[in-house]
Amino acid sequence: CDMDLGCQDWMSALPAELWDVPLTNLAIPGSHDAMSYCLDINSPLVPSESDFFRLLDRLFSCFTRPAIFRWATTQDKSIEEQLSMGIRFFDLRVAHKPNDSSSDLYFTHVIYTHLTVLETLSSVATWLDSHPKEIVILACSHFEGLEDKLHQLFIFSLKKLFGSKLCPQVSVLHVHLWASGYQVVLSYDSQSAARHQELWPAIPYWWANQHTAQGVISYLDWNKDLGRPEGFFVSGLNLTADRYYITENPKQSLRTLTFSNWECLRKWLEEQAPGSDPKSLNIIAGDFVFAPKGQMFFDAKAL
C-alpha cells in the first residue's frame, strides 16, 4: 500500500456496498505495542519485571539497556505516520510511573516512553479531525501503577478529548459509523471502565509467544480451527524472543528477527480472508508495520 495511493483514507475509499459490512468482518491493519518507537532508554523498568532482572539492570545497565531497547522497540514510525499508512488498530499499554506525584501516564514496553498518553492521543484526535470518515480502534491495556482514582481521571480525560467521536457499545459496528460522527472504538481492559458505555471491553489478542514465523503461523492456524471469537479479535503476527534466545543471539534485535521472518508471514497472510466465516481473520497486528522495501506489512488481498 502506497500512501500516495490513499492508504490514509482507505476506509472512506471503500465502495458503498461495503459500508454496511460489520467492522468485525473486515481485515483491519493493526500495530502491536504501537508506541514503542519512543521508548526512553533511561527510564526505570516497569515494576512487573522480576527482581533478578531489575538487579541485573542496576549492576550492568551499560549492557542491559541497549539490549532492552533493541528488543522492546517494536515500531519505528510515529503514531501519526502509522495512521497515514493505514493502521487502524493500536495496541496501547498504559502505565503510571512509580513515585511520580503527577497524574501523567506513559506507554510502556519493559521501560516507559518519552511521550505521555494524553499528548499522543491528542495527536490521534487531531488526525481524525482531518480524516472524518476514518475509524480507529484504540486498545488500552496493562495499566501498571493505576488505581481506580487514576483510572477515573484518565477515563474523564479520554471522554473530554474524543467527545462525540467515541462510539458507545452497540451490537454491530459498520464502516459508515462516521455518518453518525463516531470515529473511535475505545477498548479499555479494566474493571474501572465497567460503568462507562463509551468504553468497550478487552479485545481478544492471539499472541503466539514464538520466535519463528512457523511457530506463529502454527499457533494462529490452531486458533482458527477453534473458531473465531464474537466481535473484534486480533491475530498477532508479532514474534517474541525470550531471554535464552536473546542471550544466544546478542547481535540481533526484534527488528532483524521480524524482517528475517517477514516473507514467510506475508505469504501466510496473503492466503487469509476476512468475512464472517469461522476461519476468517479480522484485525491483523504486527511489529514494524512497514516491511524493508517500503511495502505495507499487511497489504494482503484483505481490504
Protein backbone atom coordinates (compact mmCIF):
# COMPACT_ATOMS: atom_id res chain seq x y z
CA CYS A 1 0.00 0.00 0.00
CA ASP A 2 1.42 3.36 -1.04
CA MET A 3 0.45 6.42 0.98
CA ASP A 4 0.25 8.37 -2.29
CA LEU A 5 -2.46 5.97 -3.42
CA GLY A 6 -4.71 6.71 -0.49
CA CYS A 7 -3.75 4.48 2.44
CA GLN A 8 -4.50 7.31 4.82
CA ASP A 9 -8.15 7.33 3.70
CA TRP A 10 -8.70 3.70 2.76
CA MET A 11 -11.88 3.35 4.82
CA SER A 12 -13.58 6.30 3.17
CA ALA A 13 -12.47 4.93 -0.22
CA LEU A 14 -14.25 1.60 0.30
CA PRO A 15 -17.09 1.04 -2.21
CA ALA A 16 -20.59 1.83 -0.96
CA GLU A 17 -21.58 -1.85 -0.96
CA LEU A 18 -19.12 -2.40 1.91
CA TRP A 19 -20.44 0.40 4.09
CA ASP A 20 -22.90 -1.92 5.82
CA VAL A 21 -20.36 -4.71 6.37
CA PRO A 22 -19.58 -5.13 10.09
CA LEU A 23 -16.11 -3.94 11.03
CA THR A 24 -15.57 -7.37 12.56
CA ASN A 25 -15.85 -8.83 9.05
CA LEU A 26 -13.18 -6.57 7.54
CA ALA A 27 -9.43 -7.10 7.60
CA ILE A 28 -8.05 -4.24 9.66
CA PRO A 29 -4.30 -3.50 9.85
CA GLY A 30 -3.01 -3.09 13.40
CA SER A 31 0.11 -2.08 15.31
CA HIS A 32 1.45 -4.22 18.17
CA ASP A 33 2.94 -2.16 21.02
CA ALA A 34 2.23 0.85 18.85
CA MET A 35 4.10 3.42 20.95
CA SER A 36 7.40 1.63 21.44
CA TYR A 37 9.02 3.86 18.81
CA CYS A 38 9.55 6.48 21.54
CA LEU A 39 10.84 4.40 24.44
CA ASP A 40 13.07 6.26 26.89
CA ILE A 41 16.23 4.19 27.29
CA ASN A 42 16.97 5.94 30.60
CA SER A 43 13.56 5.43 32.21
CA PRO A 44 13.05 2.97 35.09
CA LEU A 45 11.96 -0.57 34.39
CA VAL A 46 8.28 -1.27 34.89
CA PRO A 47 7.63 -2.74 38.37
CA SER A 48 6.34 -6.04 36.97
CA GLU A 49 9.82 -7.04 35.83
CA SER A 50 11.49 -9.65 38.05
CA ASP A 51 13.69 -8.63 40.98
CA PHE A 52 16.59 -10.53 39.43
CA PHE A 53 16.26 -8.63 36.14
CA ARG A 54 15.98 -5.33 37.98
CA LEU A 55 19.15 -6.14 39.96
CA LEU A 56 20.94 -7.10 36.77
CA ASP A 57 19.86 -3.83 35.19
CA ARG A 58 21.16 -1.80 38.14
CA LEU A 59 24.55 -3.54 38.11
CA PHE A 60 25.14 -3.80 34.38
CA SER A 61 22.93 -1.15 32.80
CA CYS A 62 25.56 -0.36 30.16
CA PHE A 63 24.92 -3.85 28.78
CA THR A 64 21.28 -4.41 29.64
CA ARG A 65 19.85 -1.09 28.41
CA PRO A 66 20.97 -1.36 24.79
CA ALA A 67 19.63 -4.94 24.72
CA ILE A 68 16.31 -3.88 26.27
CA PHE A 69 15.99 -1.08 23.74
CA ARG A 70 16.73 -3.38 20.78
CA TRP A 71 14.21 -6.00 21.85
CA ALA A 72 11.48 -3.78 23.34
CA THR A 73 11.25 -1.50 20.29
CA THR A 74 8.54 -2.93 18.03
CA GLN A 75 7.76 0.10 15.84
CA ASP A 76 9.82 2.81 14.15
CA LYS A 77 7.06 5.11 12.86
CA SER A 78 5.18 7.75 14.86
CA ILE A 79 1.51 7.21 15.56
CA GLU A 80 0.59 9.90 13.01
CA GLU A 81 2.72 8.12 10.39
CA GLN A 82 1.12 4.80 11.27
CA LEU A 83 -2.34 6.34 10.87
CA SER A 84 -1.41 7.76 7.48
CA MET A 85 -0.01 4.38 6.46
CA GLY A 86 -3.45 2.87 7.04
CA ILE A 87 -3.07 1.36 10.52
CA ARG A 88 -6.46 1.39 12.28
CA PHE A 89 -5.89 -0.75 15.40
CA PHE A 90 -3.43 0.37 18.08
CA ASP A 91 -2.20 -1.76 20.97
CA LEU A 92 -1.59 0.83 23.72
CA ARG A 93 -0.03 -0.27 27.01
CA VAL A 94 -0.63 2.42 29.61
CA ALA A 95 1.24 2.92 32.89
CA HIS A 96 1.88 5.37 35.70
CA LYS A 97 5.50 5.73 36.79
CA PRO A 98 6.24 4.69 40.38
CA ASN A 99 6.88 7.58 42.78
CA ASP A 100 5.50 10.10 40.28
CA SER A 101 3.34 12.62 42.13
CA SER A 102 1.72 13.82 38.90
CA SER A 103 -1.16 12.13 37.12
CA ASP A 104 0.82 11.86 33.89
CA LEU A 105 0.56 8.50 32.16
CA TYR A 106 3.03 6.94 29.75
CA PHE A 107 3.11 3.98 27.42
CA THR A 108 5.33 1.08 28.31
CA HIS A 109 7.09 -2.00 27.00
CA VAL A 110 9.60 -3.04 29.69
CA ILE A 111 10.55 0.65 30.02
CA TYR A 112 8.49 3.85 29.62
CA THR A 113 8.04 6.17 26.66
CA HIS A 114 9.15 9.78 26.31
CA LEU A 115 5.68 10.85 25.20
CA THR A 116 2.74 10.94 27.58
CA VAL A 117 -0.52 9.19 26.81
CA LEU A 118 -2.67 12.30 26.54
CA GLU A 119 -0.33 14.24 24.24
CA THR A 120 -0.18 11.19 21.98
CA LEU A 121 -3.94 10.66 21.90
CA SER A 122 -4.42 14.38 21.26
CA SER A 123 -2.42 13.83 18.07
CA VAL A 124 -4.79 11.00 17.15
CA ALA A 125 -7.82 13.23 17.73
CA THR A 126 -6.27 15.96 15.55
CA TRP A 127 -5.54 13.45 12.78
CA LEU A 128 -9.15 12.23 12.89
CA ASP A 129 -10.40 15.81 12.51
CA SER A 130 -8.59 15.86 9.16
CA HIS A 131 -9.90 12.42 8.16
CA PRO A 132 -13.58 12.48 9.20
CA LYS A 133 -14.52 9.18 7.51
CA GLU A 134 -11.77 7.05 9.07
CA ILE A 135 -12.34 4.89 12.17
CA VAL A 136 -9.68 3.81 14.67
CA ILE A 137 -9.72 1.12 17.34
CA LEU A 138 -7.66 2.03 20.40
CA ALA A 139 -6.97 -0.85 22.79
CA CYS A 140 -5.77 0.46 26.17
CA SER A 141 -4.44 -2.24 28.48
CA HIS A 142 -1.95 -3.29 31.19
CA PHE A 143 -2.37 -0.10 33.32
CA GLU A 144 0.65 -0.71 35.55
CA GLY A 145 0.59 1.58 38.56
CA LEU A 146 -3.01 2.79 38.10
CA GLU A 147 -5.52 2.59 40.94
CA ASP A 148 -9.20 3.33 40.45
CA LYS A 149 -8.89 7.06 41.18
CA LEU A 150 -6.29 7.47 38.45
CA HIS A 151 -8.35 5.26 36.12
CA GLN A 152 -11.37 7.53 36.55
CA LEU A 153 -9.29 10.64 35.95
CA PHE A 154 -7.88 9.08 32.79
CA ILE A 155 -11.32 7.98 31.57
CA PHE A 156 -12.65 11.51 32.17
CA SER A 157 -9.74 12.87 30.09
CA LEU A 158 -10.46 10.38 27.29
CA LYS A 159 -14.12 11.38 27.15
CA LYS A 160 -13.18 15.04 27.09
CA LEU A 161 -10.55 14.52 24.40
CA PHE A 162 -12.58 12.42 21.94
CA GLY A 163 -16.05 13.65 22.90
CA SER A 164 -18.71 12.75 20.33
CA LYS A 165 -16.15 10.72 18.33
CA LEU A 166 -16.39 7.92 20.92
CA CYS A 167 -18.65 5.14 19.72
CA PRO A 168 -20.77 3.67 22.53
CA GLN A 169 -21.16 -0.09 22.89
CA VAL A 170 -23.57 -1.36 20.25
CA SER A 171 -24.22 -4.84 18.88
CA VAL A 172 -22.82 -4.28 15.39
CA LEU A 173 -20.38 -1.67 14.06
CA HIS A 174 -20.34 -0.78 10.37
CA VAL A 175 -17.87 1.13 8.24
CA HIS A 176 -20.26 4.06 7.93
CA LEU A 177 -20.07 4.83 11.66
CA TRP A 178 -18.69 8.17 10.52
CA ALA A 179 -22.18 9.10 9.30
CA SER A 180 -23.14 9.42 12.98
CA GLY A 181 -19.92 11.24 13.83
CA TYR A 182 -18.32 8.22 15.51
CA GLN A 183 -14.65 7.60 14.75
CA VAL A 184 -13.17 5.95 17.83
CA VAL A 185 -13.81 2.49 19.25
CA LEU A 186 -12.01 2.59 22.59
CA SER A 187 -11.30 -0.73 24.29
CA TYR A 188 -10.38 -0.39 27.97
CA ASP A 189 -9.14 -3.56 29.63
CA SER A 190 -10.04 -2.79 33.25
CA GLN A 191 -12.99 -3.22 35.60
CA SER A 192 -12.74 0.52 36.24
CA ALA A 193 -14.42 1.04 32.86
CA ALA A 194 -17.43 -1.16 33.60
CA ARG A 195 -19.89 1.69 34.13
CA HIS A 196 -18.80 3.69 31.09
CA GLN A 197 -20.82 2.79 27.98
CA GLU A 198 -18.39 4.70 25.77
CA LEU A 199 -15.65 2.19 26.60
CA TRP A 200 -15.52 -1.27 25.08
CA PRO A 201 -14.26 -4.42 26.82
CA ALA A 202 -10.90 -6.02 26.10
CA ILE A 203 -10.38 -7.32 22.56
CA PRO A 204 -9.02 -10.90 22.37
CA TYR A 205 -5.43 -10.98 21.07
CA TRP A 206 -3.97 -14.19 19.66
CA TRP A 207 -0.34 -13.98 20.80
CA ALA A 208 1.84 -16.92 19.83
CA ASN A 209 4.87 -16.15 22.05
CA GLN A 210 7.13 -17.70 19.39
CA HIS A 211 10.37 -16.51 17.76
CA THR A 212 9.86 -18.16 14.36
CA ALA A 213 7.36 -17.45 11.62
CA GLN A 214 6.35 -21.11 11.54
CA GLY A 215 5.70 -21.07 15.28
CA VAL A 216 3.45 -18.01 14.92
CA ILE A 217 1.63 -19.49 11.93
CA SER A 218 1.04 -22.83 13.66
CA TYR A 219 -0.41 -21.05 16.68
CA LEU A 220 -2.70 -18.86 14.57
CA ASP A 221 -3.88 -21.82 12.48
CA TRP A 222 -4.65 -23.73 15.69
CA ASN A 223 -6.77 -20.83 16.94
CA LYS A 224 -8.54 -20.55 13.59
CA ASP A 225 -9.51 -24.21 13.81
CA LEU A 226 -11.18 -23.48 17.17
CA GLY A 227 -13.34 -20.78 15.55
CA ARG A 228 -13.28 -17.02 15.72
CA PRO A 229 -14.44 -15.12 18.81
CA GLU A 230 -17.54 -12.96 18.71
CA GLY A 231 -16.83 -9.36 17.94
CA PHE A 232 -13.39 -7.92 17.27
CA PHE A 233 -10.31 -10.10 17.63
CA VAL A 234 -6.64 -9.68 16.83
CA SER A 235 -4.30 -12.10 15.08
CA GLY A 236 -0.81 -11.21 16.24
CA LEU A 237 1.82 -11.55 13.53
CA ASN A 238 4.45 -10.48 16.04
CA LEU A 239 7.49 -12.54 17.04
CA THR A 240 8.68 -12.87 20.63
CA ALA A 241 12.19 -13.69 21.86
CA ASP A 242 12.73 -14.99 25.39
CA ARG A 243 15.86 -14.28 27.44
CA TYR A 244 17.52 -17.51 26.26
CA TYR A 245 17.11 -16.58 22.60
CA ILE A 246 18.37 -13.03 23.27
CA THR A 247 21.42 -14.33 25.16
CA GLU A 248 22.26 -16.73 22.35
CA ASN A 249 21.82 -14.05 19.66
CA PRO A 250 23.45 -10.95 21.13
CA LYS A 251 23.81 -9.14 17.78
CA GLN A 252 20.18 -9.50 16.80
CA SER A 253 17.23 -7.22 17.56
CA LEU A 254 13.48 -7.56 17.27
CA ARG A 255 13.75 -5.64 14.01
CA THR A 256 16.21 -8.10 12.43
CA LEU A 257 14.17 -11.04 13.74
CA THR A 258 10.96 -9.60 12.30
CA PHE A 259 12.42 -8.84 8.89
CA SER A 260 14.15 -12.22 8.58
CA ASN A 261 10.74 -13.90 9.09
CA TRP A 262 8.73 -11.36 7.14
CA GLU A 263 8.45 -13.17 3.81
CA CYS A 264 7.04 -16.33 5.38
CA LEU A 265 4.48 -14.36 7.42
CA ARG A 266 3.49 -12.30 4.38
CA LYS A 267 2.83 -15.39 2.28
CA TRP A 268 0.63 -16.87 5.01
CA LEU A 269 -1.28 -13.61 5.35
CA GLU A 270 -1.97 -13.42 1.63
CA GLU A 271 -3.74 -16.78 1.89
CA GLN A 272 -6.17 -15.47 4.52
CA ALA A 273 -9.53 -13.79 4.02
CA PRO A 274 -11.81 -11.50 6.02
CA GLY A 275 -15.52 -12.13 6.45
CA SER A 276 -17.95 -13.98 8.71
CA ASP A 277 -16.54 -17.46 8.11
CA PRO A 278 -15.35 -19.20 11.33
CA LYS A 279 -11.79 -19.27 9.93
CA SER A 280 -11.67 -15.69 8.68
CA LEU A 281 -9.41 -13.02 10.18
CA ASN A 282 -10.32 -9.58 11.49
CA ILE A 283 -7.59 -7.36 12.96
CA ILE A 284 -4.03 -8.28 11.97
CA ALA A 285 -1.39 -6.69 14.22
CA GLY A 286 2.37 -6.88 13.91
CA ASP A 287 5.68 -5.19 14.56
CA PHE A 288 7.37 -2.68 12.24
CA VAL A 289 4.28 -2.07 10.17
CA PHE A 290 6.29 -1.37 7.02
CA ALA A 291 8.45 -4.06 5.50
CA PRO A 292 12.09 -3.46 4.46
CA LYS A 293 11.23 -2.43 0.89
CA GLY A 294 8.57 0.04 1.99
CA GLN A 295 5.68 -2.31 1.30
CA MET A 296 2.98 -2.27 3.92
CA PHE A 297 3.36 -5.29 6.18
CA PHE A 298 -0.34 -6.07 5.96
CA ASP A 299 -1.24 -5.41 2.34
CA ALA A 300 -2.80 -8.82 1.79
CA LYS A 301 -5.82 -9.04 -0.50
CA ALA A 302 -7.94 -8.29 2.51
CA LEU A 303 -9.05 -4.70 2.08
